[in-house]
Amino acid sequence: MIRITFLPMQRTVEAAAGDSLLEVAHANDLPLEGACEGAVACSTCHVIVNPEWYGRLDPPDEKEEDMLDKAFGLTSTSRLGCQVILDETLDGLVVTIPAYSVNISVDKKKGVR
């Protein structure tokens, strides 16, 4: 099993290789939205990867980078949780769930731009 610590709640959970951070968060009732259910069509599963772990991840593709540009509080180690697929090299990974996210489709429905 792969251990992942989610901040700021200081909660460490276990996951299987092949799971995404989004799936792990949902399975453990952690507050990571994922409005598009992993289709890379929103930025609501934005996480900030601890800098010491960021270089161990596969780099984001162009579609993920485009969605990250829409994320609230973007940092140099930001990723979409749906695109971080776990393997044994990520045992001990530490990520922060930002306090805010932007759900473009929901916000537009409410008349917010």
PDB file of N, CA and C in Angstrom:
ATOM      1  N   MET A   1       0.840  -1.191   0.000  1.00  0.00           N
ATOM      2  CA  MET A   1       0.000   0.000   0.000  1.00  0.00           C
ATOM      3  C   MET A   1       0.885   1.256   0.000  1.00  0.00           C
ATOM      4  N   ILE A   2       0.355   2.305  -0.582  1.00  0.00           N
ATOM      5  CA  ILE A   2       1.055   3.583  -0.708  1.00  0.00           C
ATOM      6  C   ILE A   2       0.418   4.565   0.260  1.00  0.00           C
ATOM      7  N   ARG A   3       1.250   5.199   1.089  1.00  0.00           N
ATOM      8  CA  ARG A   3       0.747   6.171   2.060  1.00  0.00           C
ATOM      9  C   ARG A   3       0.802   7.576   1.465  1.00  0.00           C
ATOM     10  N   ILE A   4      -0.310   8.306   1.604  1.00  0.00           N
ATOM     11  CA  ILE A   4      -0.428   9.676   1.125  1.00  0.00           C
ATOM     12  C   ILE A   4      -0.892  10.528   2.305  1.00  0.00           C
ATOM     13  N   THR A   5      -0.214  11.662   2.524  1.00  0.00           N
ATOM     14  CA  THR A   5      -0.656  12.582   3.572  1.00  0.00           C
ATOM     15  C   THR A   5      -1.282  13.800   2.907  1.00  0.00           C
ATOM     16  N   PHE A   6      -2.500  14.089   3.307  1.00  0.00           N
ATOM     17  CA  PHE A   6      -3.234  15.244   2.810  1.00  0.00           C
ATOM     18  C   PHE A   6      -3.200  16.341   3.867  1.00  0.00           C
ATOM     19  N   LEU A   7      -2.767  17.503   3.449  1.00  0.00           N
ATOM     20  CA  LEU A   7      -2.750  18.694   4.295  1.00  0.00           C
ATOM     21  C   LEU A   7      -3.864  19.615   3.834  1.00  0.00           C
ATOM     22  N   PRO A   8      -4.403  20.487   4.597  1.00  0.00           N
ATOM     23  CA  PRO A   8      -4.007  20.850   5.946  1.00  0.00           C
ATOM     24  C   PRO A   8      -4.610  19.951   7.025  1.00  0.00           C
ATOM     25  N   MET A   9      -5.375  18.944   6.638  1.00  0.00           N
ATOM     26  CA  MET A   9      -6.046  18.117   7.644  1.00  0.00           C
ATOM     27  C   MET A   9      -5.108  17.124   8.325  1.00  0.00           C
ATOM     28  N   GLN A  10      -3.850  17.044   7.864  1.00  0.00           N
ATOM     29  CA  GLN A  10      -2.861  16.155   8.486  1.00  0.00           C
ATOM     30  C   GLN A  10      -3.359  14.711   8.531  1.00  0.00           C
ATOM     31  N   ARG A  11      -3.961  14.281   7.432  1.00  0.00           N
ATOM     32  CA  ARG A  11      -4.531  12.934   7.401  1.00  0.00           C
ATOM     33  C   ARG A  11      -3.743  12.058   6.444  1.00  0.00           C
ATOM     34  N   THR A  12      -3.240  10.949   6.950  1.00  0.00           N
ATOM     35  CA  THR A  12      -2.506   9.993   6.128  1.00  0.00           C
ATOM     36  C   THR A  12      -3.413   8.809   5.846  1.00  0.00           C
ATOM     37  N   VAL A  13      -3.511   8.470   4.570  1.00  0.00           N
ATOM     38  CA  VAL A  13      -4.366   7.363   4.137  1.00  0.00           C
ATOM     39  C   VAL A  13      -3.533   6.410   3.285  1.00  0.00           C
ATOM     40  N   GLU A  14      -4.052   5.231   3.060  1.00  0.00           N
ATOM     41  CA  GLU A  14      -3.377   4.248   2.225  1.00  0.00           C
ATOM     42  C   GLU A  14      -4.141   4.079   0.931  1.00  0.00           C
ATOM     43  N   ALA A  15      -3.378   3.831  -0.137  1.00  0.00           N
ATOM     44  CA  ALA A  15      -3.971   3.672  -1.460  1.00  0.00           C
ATOM     45  C   ALA A  15      -3.231   2.581  -2.212  1.00  0.00           C
ATOM     46  N   ALA A  16      -3.831   2.120  -3.287  1.00  0.00           N
ATOM     47  CA  ALA A  16      -3.219   1.098  -4.130  1.00  0.00           C
ATOM     48  C   ALA A  16      -2.543   1.734  -5.333  1.00  0.00           C
ATOM     49  N   ALA A  17      -1.521   1.086  -5.828  1.00  0.00           N
ATOM     50  CA  ALA A  17      -0.883   1.526  -7.063  1.00  0.00           C
ATOM     51  C   ALA A  17      -1.935   1.546  -8.168  1.00  0.00           C
ATOM     52  N   GLY A  18      -1.880   2.586  -8.999  1.00  0.00           N
ATOM     53  CA  GLY A  18      -2.842   2.732 -10.090  1.00  0.00           C
ATOM     54  C   GLY A  18      -3.996   3.661  -9.757  1.00  0.00           C
ATOM     55  N   ASP A  19      -4.197   3.952  -8.476  1.00  0.00           N
ATOM     56  CA  ASP A  19      -5.240   4.901  -8.069  1.00  0.00           C
ATOM     57  C   ASP A  19      -4.763   6.318  -8.343  1.00  0.00           C
ATOM     58  N   SER A  20      -5.698   7.223  -8.598  1.00  0.00           N
ATOM     59  CA  SER A  20      -5.369   8.647  -8.707  1.00  0.00           C
ATOM     60  C   SER A  20      -5.566   9.297  -7.345  1.00  0.00           C
ATOM     61  N   LEU A  21      -4.935  10.440  -7.153  1.00  0.00           N
ATOM     62  CA  LEU A  21      -5.149  11.180  -5.905  1.00  0.00           C
ATOM     63  C   LEU A  21      -6.622  11.528  -5.721  1.00  0.00           C
ATOM     64  N   LEU A  22      -7.313  11.837  -6.803  1.00  0.00           N
ATOM     65  CA  LEU A  22      -8.736  12.154  -6.719  1.00  0.00           C
ATOM     66  C   LEU A  22      -9.517  10.949  -6.188  1.00  0.00           C
ATOM     67  N   GLU A  23      -9.251   9.776  -6.725  1.00  0.00           N
ATOM     68  CA  GLU A  23      -9.940   8.568  -6.266  1.00  0.00           C
ATOM     69  C   GLU A  23      -9.653   8.298  -4.787  1.00  0.00           C
ATOM     70  N   VAL A  24      -8.403   8.487  -4.394  1.00  0.00           N
ATOM     71  CA  VAL A  24      -8.014   8.259  -3.001  1.00  0.00           C
ATOM     72  C   VAL A  24      -8.750   9.236  -2.083  1.00  0.00           C
ATOM     73  N   ALA A  25      -8.786  10.501  -2.479  1.00  0.00           N
ATOM     74  CA  ALA A  25      -9.477  11.508  -1.671  1.00  0.00           C
ATOM     75  C   ALA A  25     -10.958  11.156  -1.515  1.00  0.00           C
ATOM     76  N   HIS A  26     -11.605  10.809  -2.608  1.00  0.00           N
ATOM     77  CA  HIS A  26     -13.024  10.469  -2.537  1.00  0.00           C
ATOM     78  C   HIS A  26     -13.261   9.224  -1.682  1.00  0.00           C
ATOM     79  N   ALA A  27     -12.414   8.225  -1.815  1.00  0.00           N
ATOM     80  CA  ALA A  27     -12.574   6.983  -1.047  1.00  0.00           C
ATOM     81  C   ALA A  27     -12.397   7.210   0.455  1.00  0.00           C
ATOM     82  N   ASN A  28     -11.721   8.297   0.802  1.00  0.00           N
ATOM     83  CA  ASN A  28     -11.442   8.581   2.211  1.00  0.00           C
ATOM     84  C   ASN A  28     -12.165   9.823   2.724  1.00  0.00           C
ATOM     85  N   ASP A  29     -13.206  10.240   2.009  1.00  0.00           N
ATOM     86  CA  ASP A  29     -14.032  11.381   2.411  1.00  0.00           C
ATOM     87  C   ASP A  29     -13.222  12.650   2.669  1.00  0.00           C
ATOM     88  N   LEU A  30     -12.248  12.896   1.811  1.00  0.00           N
ATOM     89  CA  LEU A  30     -11.453  14.121   1.893  1.00  0.00           C
ATOM     90  C   LEU A  30     -12.042  15.160   0.947  1.00  0.00           C
ATOM     91  N   PRO A  31     -11.948  16.442   1.275  1.00  0.00           N
ATOM     92  CA  PRO A  31     -12.637  17.494   0.527  1.00  0.00           C
ATOM     93  C   PRO A  31     -11.946  17.925  -0.769  1.00  0.00           C
ATOM     94  N   LEU A  32     -11.861  17.000  -1.721  1.00  0.00           N
ATOM     95  CA  LEU A  32     -11.319  17.299  -3.042  1.00  0.00           C
ATOM     96  C   LEU A  32     -12.445  17.069  -4.030  1.00  0.00           C
ATOM     97  N   GLU A  33     -12.912  18.158  -4.671  1.00  0.00           N
ATOM     98  CA  GLU A  33     -14.172  18.096  -5.410  1.00  0.00           C
ATOM     99  C   GLU A  33     -14.146  17.153  -6.613  1.00  0.00           C
ATOM    100  N   GLY A  34     -13.422  17.463  -7.659  1.00  0.00           N
ATOM    101  CA  GLY A  34     -13.413  16.621  -8.854  1.00  0.00           C
ATOM    102  C   GLY A  34     -14.718  16.671  -9.616  1.00  0.00           C
ATOM    103  N   ALA A  35     -15.195  17.881  -9.923  1.00  0.00           N
ATOM    104  CA  ALA A  35     -16.504  18.059 -10.565  1.00  0.00           C
ATOM    105  C   ALA A  35     -16.640  17.331 -11.903  1.00  0.00           C
ATOM    106  N   CYS A  36     -15.549  17.228 -12.662  1.00  0.00           N
ATOM    107  CA  CYS A  36     -15.628  16.576 -13.981  1.00  0.00           C
ATOM    108  C   CYS A  36     -15.333  15.080 -13.896  1.00  0.00           C
ATOM    109  N   GLU A  37     -15.172  14.568 -12.684  1.00  0.00           N
ATOM    110  CA  GLU A  37     -14.938  13.148 -12.427  1.00  0.00           C
ATOM    111  C   GLU A  37     -13.693  12.619 -13.125  1.00  0.00           C
ATOM    112  N   GLY A  38     -12.667  13.452 -13.232  1.00  0.00           N
ATOM    113  CA  GLY A  38     -11.397  13.006 -13.789  1.00  0.00           C
ATOM    114  C   GLY A  38     -11.252  13.136 -15.287  1.00  0.00           C
ATOM    115  N   ALA A  39     -12.135  13.887 -15.929  1.00  0.00           N
ATOM    116  CA  ALA A  39     -12.092  14.045 -17.382  1.00  0.00           C
ATOM    117  C   ALA A  39     -11.167  15.177 -17.829  1.00  0.00           C
ATOM    118  N   VAL A  40     -10.467  15.797 -16.913  1.00  0.00           N
ATOM    119  CA  VAL A  40      -9.563  16.933 -17.167  1.00  0.00           C
ATOM    120  C   VAL A  40     -10.334  18.069 -17.852  1.00  0.00           C
ATOM    121  N   ALA A  41     -11.526  18.343 -17.340  1.00  0.00           N
ATOM    122  CA  ALA A  41     -12.371  19.400 -17.884  1.00  0.00           C
ATOM    123  C   ALA A  41     -12.641  20.498 -16.865  1.00  0.00           C
ATOM    124  N   CYS A  42     -11.961  20.435 -15.718  1.00  0.00           N
ATOM    125  CA  CYS A  42     -12.096  21.463 -14.696  1.00  0.00           C
ATOM    126  C   CYS A  42     -10.811  21.481 -13.869  1.00  0.00           C
ATOM    127  N   SER A  43     -10.761  22.343 -12.889  1.00  0.00           N
ATOM    128  CA  SER A  43      -9.578  22.386 -12.017  1.00  0.00           C
ATOM    129  C   SER A  43      -9.954  22.179 -10.554  1.00  0.00           C
ATOM    130  N   THR A  44     -11.105  21.574 -10.307  1.00  0.00           N
ATOM    131  CA  THR A  44     -11.583  21.442  -8.928  1.00  0.00           C
ATOM    132  C   THR A  44     -10.854  20.378  -8.118  1.00  0.00           C
ATOM    133  N   CYS A  45     -10.024  19.575  -8.755  1.00  0.00           N
ATOM    134  CA  CYS A  45      -9.222  18.594  -8.008  1.00  0.00           C
ATOM    135  C   CYS A  45      -7.769  19.064  -7.894  1.00  0.00           C
ATOM    136  N   HIS A  46      -7.574  20.373  -8.007  1.00  0.00           N
ATOM    137  CA  HIS A  46      -6.245  20.974  -7.879  1.00  0.00           C
ATOM    138  C   HIS A  46      -5.649  20.653  -6.516  1.00  0.00           C
ATOM    139  N   VAL A  47      -4.427  20.139  -6.529  1.00  0.00           N
ATOM    140  CA  VAL A  47      -3.664  19.903  -5.304  1.00  0.00           C
ATOM    141  C   VAL A  47      -2.291  20.537  -5.463  1.00  0.00           C
ATOM    142  N   ILE A  48      -1.657  20.815  -4.351  1.00  0.00           N
ATOM    143  CA  ILE A  48      -0.294  21.336  -4.357  1.00  0.00           C
ATOM    144  C   ILE A  48       0.600  20.242  -3.790  1.00  0.00           C
ATOM    145  N   VAL A  49       1.505  19.780  -4.633  1.00  0.00           N
ATOM    146  CA  VAL A  49       2.405  18.692  -4.246  1.00  0.00           C
ATOM    147  C   VAL A  49       3.583  19.273  -3.470  1.00  0.00           C
ATOM    148  N   ASN A  50       3.926  18.633  -2.366  1.00  0.00           N
ATOM    149  CA  ASN A  50       5.093  19.052  -1.606  1.00  0.00           C
ATOM    150  C   ASN A  50       6.291  19.091  -2.558  1.00  0.00           C
ATOM    151  N   PRO A  51       7.069  20.177  -2.548  1.00  0.00           N
ATOM    152  CA  PRO A  51       8.174  20.330  -3.511  1.00  0.00           C
ATOM    153  C   PRO A  51       9.148  19.160  -3.546  1.00  0.00           C
ATOM    154  N   GLU A  52       9.399  18.520  -2.430  1.00  0.00           N
ATOM    155  CA  GLU A  52      10.347  17.403  -2.449  1.00  0.00           C
ATOM    156  C   GLU A  52       9.806  16.189  -3.200  1.00  0.00           C
ATOM    157  N   TRP A  53       8.509  16.148  -3.434  1.00  0.00           N
ATOM    158  CA  TRP A  53       7.880  15.042  -4.157  1.00  0.00           C
ATOM    159  C   TRP A  53       7.578  15.368  -5.614  1.00  0.00           C
ATOM    160  N   TYR A  54       7.490  16.639  -5.942  1.00  0.00           N
ATOM    161  CA  TYR A  54       7.016  17.041  -7.276  1.00  0.00           C
ATOM    162  C   TYR A  54       7.835  16.411  -8.411  1.00  0.00           C
ATOM    163  N   GLY A  55       9.153  16.384  -8.281  1.00  0.00           N
ATOM    164  CA  GLY A  55      10.017  15.846  -9.326  1.00  0.00           C
ATOM    165  C   GLY A  55       9.869  14.355  -9.565  1.00  0.00           C
ATOM    166  N   ARG A  56       9.215  13.667  -8.658  1.00  0.00           N
ATOM    167  CA  ARG A  56       9.011  12.220  -8.811  1.00  0.00           C
ATOM    168  C   ARG A  56       7.785  11.893  -9.665  1.00  0.00           C
ATOM    169  N   LEU A  57       6.962  12.903  -9.921  1.00  0.00           N
ATOM    170  CA  LEU A  57       5.747  12.696 -10.717  1.00  0.00           C
ATOM    171  C   LEU A  57       6.059  12.795 -12.200  1.00  0.00           C
ATOM    172  N   ASP A  58       5.273  12.084 -13.003  1.00  0.00           N
ATOM    173  CA  ASP A  58       5.346  12.293 -14.448  1.00  0.00           C
ATOM    174  C   ASP A  58       4.922  13.730 -14.716  1.00  0.00           C
ATOM    175  N   PRO A  59       5.526  14.403 -15.687  1.00  0.00           N
ATOM    176  CA  PRO A  59       5.144  15.795 -15.945  1.00  0.00           C
ATOM    177  C   PRO A  59       3.704  15.895 -16.465  1.00  0.00           C
ATOM    178  N   PRO A  60       3.041  17.012 -16.190  1.00  0.00           N
ATOM    179  CA  PRO A  60       1.679  17.190 -16.694  1.00  0.00           C
ATOM    180  C   PRO A  60       1.682  17.322 -18.216  1.00  0.00           C
ATOM    181  N   ASP A  61       0.627  16.817 -18.841  1.00  0.00           N
ATOM    182  CA  ASP A  61       0.519  16.999 -20.289  1.00  0.00           C
ATOM    183  C   ASP A  61      -0.124  18.363 -20.574  1.00  0.00           C
ATOM    184  N   GLU A  62      -0.246  18.699 -21.845  1.00  0.00           N
ATOM    185  CA  GLU A  62      -0.745  20.015 -22.235  1.00  0.00           C
ATOM    186  C   GLU A  62      -2.174  20.263 -21.765  1.00  0.00           C
ATOM    187  N   LYS A  63      -3.016  19.243 -21.826  1.00  0.00           N
ATOM    188  CA  LYS A  63      -4.412  19.401 -21.394  1.00  0.00           C
ATOM    189  C   LYS A  63      -4.475  19.723 -19.894  1.00  0.00           C
ATOM    190  N   GLU A  64      -3.677  19.022 -19.094  1.00  0.00           N
ATOM    191  CA  GLU A  64      -3.650  19.300 -17.662  1.00  0.00           C
ATOM    192  C   GLU A  64      -3.108  20.703 -17.396  1.00  0.00           C
ATOM    193  N   GLU A  65      -2.060  21.088 -18.097  1.00  0.00           N
ATOM    194  CA  GLU A  65      -1.503  22.429 -17.911  1.00  0.00           C
ATOM    195  C   GLU A  65      -2.535  23.511 -18.226  1.00  0.00           C
ATOM    196  N   ASP A  66      -3.339  23.286 -19.279  1.00  0.00           N
ATOM    197  CA  ASP A  66      -4.387  24.251 -19.630  1.00  0.00           C
ATOM    198  C   ASP A  66      -5.415  24.384 -18.506  1.00  0.00           C
ATOM    199  N   MET A  67      -5.805  23.264 -17.898  1.00  0.00           N
ATOM    200  CA  MET A  67      -6.762  23.310 -16.793  1.00  0.00           C
ATOM    201  C   MET A  67      -6.130  23.917 -15.546  1.00  0.00           C
ATOM    202  N   LEU A  68      -4.868  23.625 -15.302  1.00  0.00           N
ATOM    203  CA  LEU A  68      -4.195  24.197 -14.139  1.00  0.00           C
ATOM    204  C   LEU A  68      -4.150  25.715 -14.212  1.00  0.00           C
ATOM    205  N   ASP A  69      -4.068  26.260 -15.425  1.00  0.00           N
ATOM    206  CA  ASP A  69      -4.066  27.717 -15.583  1.00  0.00           C
ATOM    207  C   ASP A  69      -5.329  28.357 -15.005  1.00  0.00           C
ATOM    208  N   LYS A  70      -6.376  27.573 -14.858  1.00  0.00           N
ATOM    209  CA  LYS A  70      -7.656  28.074 -14.344  1.00  0.00           C
ATOM    210  C   LYS A  70      -7.803  27.843 -12.834  1.00  0.00           C
ATOM    211  N   ALA A  71      -6.825  27.181 -12.236  1.00  0.00           N
ATOM    212  CA  ALA A  71      -6.910  26.828 -10.818  1.00  0.00           C
ATOM    213  C   ALA A  71      -6.660  28.038  -9.931  1.00  0.00           C
ATOM    214  N   PHE A  72      -7.401  28.116  -8.851  1.00  0.00           N
ATOM    215  CA  PHE A  72      -7.219  29.165  -7.853  1.00  0.00           C
ATOM    216  C   PHE A  72      -5.972  28.835  -7.031  1.00  0.00           C
ATOM    217  N   GLY A  73      -5.088  29.798  -6.838  1.00  0.00           N
ATOM    218  CA  GLY A  73      -3.914  29.597  -6.005  1.00  0.00           C
ATOM    219  C   GLY A  73      -2.848  28.722  -6.637  1.00  0.00           C
ATOM    220  N   LEU A  74      -2.730  28.777  -7.951  1.00  0.00           N
ATOM    221  CA  LEU A  74      -1.757  27.971  -8.683  1.00  0.00           C
ATOM    222  C   LEU A  74      -0.335  28.207  -8.161  1.00  0.00           C
ATOM    223  N   THR A  75       0.426  27.131  -8.012  1.00  0.00           N
ATOM    224  CA  THR A  75       1.828  27.210  -7.591  1.00  0.00           C
ATOM    225  C   THR A  75       2.686  26.441  -8.589  1.00  0.00           C
ATOM    226  N   SER A  76       3.983  26.506  -8.415  1.00  0.00           N
ATOM    227  CA  SER A  76       4.890  25.788  -9.323  1.00  0.00           C
ATOM    228  C   SER A  76       4.839  24.275  -9.123  1.00  0.00           C
ATOM    229  N   THR A  77       4.206  23.813  -8.054  1.00  0.00           N
ATOM    230  CA  THR A  77       4.069  22.368  -7.825  1.00  0.00           C
ATOM    231  C   THR A  77       2.603  21.934  -7.837  1.00  0.00           C
ATOM    232  N   SER A  78       1.750  22.705  -8.492  1.00  0.00           N
ATOM    233  CA  SER A  78       0.333  22.359  -8.594  1.00  0.00           C
ATOM    234  C   SER A  78       0.127  21.240  -9.606  1.00  0.00           C
ATOM    235  N   ARG A  79      -0.821  20.376  -9.301  1.00  0.00           N
ATOM    236  CA  ARG A  79      -1.246  19.313 -10.216  1.00  0.00           C
ATOM    237  C   ARG A  79      -2.744  19.103 -10.052  1.00  0.00           C
ATOM    238  N   LEU A  80      -3.337  18.444 -11.026  1.00  0.00           N
ATOM    239  CA  LEU A  80      -4.720  17.995 -10.894  1.00  0.00           C
ATOM    240  C   LEU A  80      -4.675  16.615 -10.251  1.00  0.00           C
ATOM    241  N   GLY A  81      -5.423  16.445  -9.190  1.00  0.00           N
ATOM    242  CA  GLY A  81      -5.422  15.169  -8.475  1.00  0.00           C
ATOM    243  C   GLY A  81      -5.834  13.992  -9.341  1.00  0.00           C
ATOM    244  N   CYS A  82      -6.676  14.243 -10.331  1.00  0.00           N
ATOM    245  CA  CYS A  82      -7.116  13.162 -11.214  1.00  0.00           C
ATOM    246  C   CYS A  82      -6.001  12.673 -12.125  1.00  0.00           C
ATOM    247  N   GLN A  83      -4.946  13.454 -12.272  1.00  0.00           N
ATOM    248  CA  GLN A  83      -3.859  13.107 -13.180  1.00  0.00           C
ATOM    249  C   GLN A  83      -2.619  12.572 -12.468  1.00  0.00           C
ATOM    250  N   VAL A  84      -2.631  12.579 -11.150  1.00  0.00           N
ATOM    251  CA  VAL A  84      -1.518  12.007 -10.398  1.00  0.00           C
ATOM    252  C   VAL A  84      -1.877  10.555 -10.093  1.00  0.00           C
ATOM    253  N   ILE A  85      -1.236   9.644 -10.826  1.00  0.00           N
ATOM    254  CA  ILE A  85      -1.488   8.217 -10.673  1.00  0.00           C
ATOM    255  C   ILE A  85      -0.391   7.640  -9.780  1.00  0.00           C
ATOM    256  N   LEU A  86      -0.809   6.960  -8.747  1.00  0.00           N
ATOM    257  CA  LEU A  86       0.117   6.480  -7.736  1.00  0.00           C
ATOM    258  C   LEU A  86       0.859   5.215  -8.147  1.00  0.00           C
ATOM    259  N   ASP A  87       2.119   5.159  -7.736  1.00  0.00           N
ATOM    260  CA  ASP A  87       2.901   3.938  -7.830  1.00  0.00           C
ATOM    261  C   ASP A  87       3.768   3.842  -6.576  1.00  0.00           C
ATOM    262  N   GLU A  88       4.483   2.763  -6.438  1.00  0.00           N
ATOM    263  CA  GLU A  88       5.246   2.503  -5.215  1.00  0.00           C
ATOM    264  C   GLU A  88       6.287   3.584  -4.925  1.00  0.00           C
ATOM    265  N   THR A  89       6.785   4.275  -5.944  1.00  0.00           N
ATOM    266  CA  THR A  89       7.794   5.325  -5.721  1.00  0.00           C
ATOM    267  C   THR A  89       7.206   6.536  -5.011  1.00  0.00           C
ATOM    268  N   LEU A  90       5.883   6.609  -4.914  1.00  0.00           N
ATOM    269  CA  LEU A  90       5.222   7.756  -4.277  1.00  0.00           C
ATOM    270  C   LEU A  90       4.768   7.454  -2.848  1.00  0.00           C
ATOM    271  N   ASP A  91       5.233   6.343  -2.283  1.00  0.00           N
ATOM    272  CA  ASP A  91       4.889   6.029  -0.891  1.00  0.00           C
ATOM    273  C   ASP A  91       5.433   7.124   0.019  1.00  0.00           C
ATOM    274  N   GLY A  92       4.526   7.779   0.748  1.00  0.00           N
ATOM    275  CA  GLY A  92       4.896   8.890   1.628  1.00  0.00           C
ATOM    276  C   GLY A  92       4.586  10.257   1.040  1.00  0.00           C
ATOM    277  N   LEU A  93       3.998  10.300  -0.152  1.00  0.00           N
ATOM    278  CA  LEU A  93       3.654  11.556  -0.832  1.00  0.00           C
ATOM    279  C   LEU A  93       2.863  12.485   0.083  1.00  0.00           C
ATOM    280  N   VAL A  94       3.185  13.767   0.001  1.00  0.00           N
ATOM    281  CA  VAL A  94       2.484  14.790   0.781  1.00  0.00           C
ATOM    282  C   VAL A  94       1.900  15.814  -0.179  1.00  0.00           C
ATOM    283  N   VAL A  95       0.595  16.051  -0.089  1.00  0.00           N
ATOM    284  CA  VAL A  95      -0.084  17.044  -0.931  1.00  0.00           C
ATOM    285  C   VAL A  95      -0.986  17.915  -0.076  1.00  0.00           C
ATOM    286  N   THR A  96      -1.193  19.140  -0.537  1.00  0.00           N
ATOM    287  CA  THR A  96      -2.095  20.069   0.136  1.00  0.00           C
ATOM    288  C   THR A  96      -3.321  20.275  -0.732  1.00  0.00           C
ATOM    289  N   ILE A  97      -4.477  20.184  -0.106  1.00  0.00           N
ATOM    290  CA  ILE A  97      -5.731  20.524  -0.777  1.00  0.00           C
ATOM    291  C   ILE A  97      -5.974  22.004  -0.511  1.00  0.00           C
ATOM    292  N   PRO A  98      -5.974  22.838  -1.558  1.00  0.00           N
ATOM    293  CA  PRO A  98      -6.182  24.274  -1.340  1.00  0.00           C
ATOM    294  C   PRO A  98      -7.539  24.558  -0.703  1.00  0.00           C
ATOM    295  N   ALA A  99      -7.620  25.676  -0.029  1.00  0.00           N
ATOM    296  CA  ALA A  99      -8.861  26.057   0.653  1.00  0.00           C
ATOM    297  C   ALA A  99      -9.980  26.389  -0.325  1.00  0.00           C
ATOM    298  N   TYR A 100      -9.625  26.805  -1.546  1.00  0.00           N
ATOM    299  CA  TYR A 100     -10.632  27.220  -2.530  1.00  0.00           C
ATOM    300  C   TYR A 100     -10.381  26.541  -3.855  1.00  0.00           C
ATOM    301  N   SER A 101     -11.443  26.373  -4.620  1.00  0.00           N
ATOM    302  CA  SER A 101     -11.330  25.908  -6.001  1.00  0.00           C
ATOM    303  C   SER A 101     -12.341  26.685  -6.833  1.00  0.00           C
ATOM    304  N   VAL A 102     -12.147  26.635  -8.131  1.00  0.00           N
ATOM    305  CA  VAL A 102     -13.046  27.321  -9.051  1.00  0.00           C
ATOM    306  C   VAL A 102     -13.720  26.265  -9.908  1.00  0.00           C
ATOM    307  N   ASN A 103     -15.039  26.229  -9.866  1.00  0.00           N
ATOM    308  CA  ASN A 103     -15.807  25.323 -10.701  1.00  0.00           C
ATOM    309  C   ASN A 103     -16.469  26.165 -11.769  1.00  0.00           C
ATOM    310  N   ILE A 104     -15.840  26.231 -12.929  1.00  0.00           N
ATOM    311  CA  ILE A 104     -16.287  27.108 -14.009  1.00  0.00           C
ATOM    312  C   ILE A 104     -17.710  26.783 -14.442  1.00  0.00           C
ATOM    313  N   SER A 105     -18.042  25.502 -14.625  1.00  0.00           N
ATOM    314  CA  SER A 105     -19.374  25.172 -15.117  1.00  0.00           C
ATOM    315  C   SER A 105     -20.451  25.527 -14.094  1.00  0.00           C
ATOM    316  N   VAL A 106     -20.207  25.273 -12.832  1.00  0.00           N
ATOM    317  CA  VAL A 106     -21.185  25.616 -11.803  1.00  0.00           C
ATOM    318  C   VAL A 106     -21.279  27.131 -11.659  1.00  0.00           C
ATOM    319  N   ASP A 107     -20.135  27.831 -11.636  1.00  0.00           N
ATOM    320  CA  ASP A 107     -20.135  29.274 -11.486  1.00  0.00           C
ATOM    321  C   ASP A 107     -20.890  29.954 -12.624  1.00  0.00           C
ATOM    322  N   LYS A 108     -20.743  29.470 -13.848  1.00  0.00           N
ATOM    323  CA  LYS A 108     -21.453  30.069 -14.989  1.00  0.00           C
ATOM    324  C   LYS A 108     -22.953  29.873 -14.853  1.00  0.00           C
ATOM    325  N   LYS A 109     -23.378  28.722 -14.349  1.00  0.00           N
ATOM    326  CA  LYS A 109     -24.789  28.458 -14.153  1.00  0.00           C
ATOM    327  C   LYS A 109     -25.387  29.427 -13.138  1.00  0.00           C
ATOM    328  N   LYS A 110     -24.585  29.831 -12.197  1.00  0.00           N
ATOM    329  CA  LYS A 110     -25.055  30.768 -11.178  1.00  0.00           C
ATOM    330  C   LYS A 110     -24.957  32.216 -11.643  1.00  0.00           C
ATOM    331  N   GLY A 111     -24.421  32.410 -12.835  1.00  0.00           N
ATOM    332  CA  GLY A 111     -24.293  33.773 -13.345  1.00  0.00           C
ATOM    333  C   GLY A 111     -23.010  34.484 -12.910  1.00  0.00           C
ATOM    334  N   VAL A 112     -22.079  33.744 -12.322  1.00  0.00           N
ATOM    335  CA  VAL A 112     -20.813  34.314 -11.885  1.00  0.00           C
ATOM    336  C   VAL A 112     -19.798  34.131 -12.995  1.00  0.00           C
ATOM    337  N   ARG A 113     -19.018  35.177 -13.250  1.00  0.00           N
ATOM    338  CA  ARG A 113     -17.988  35.047 -14.300  1.00  0.00           C
ATOM    339  C   ARG A 113     -16.635  35.255 -13.753  1.00  0.00           C
TER     340      ARG A 113
END
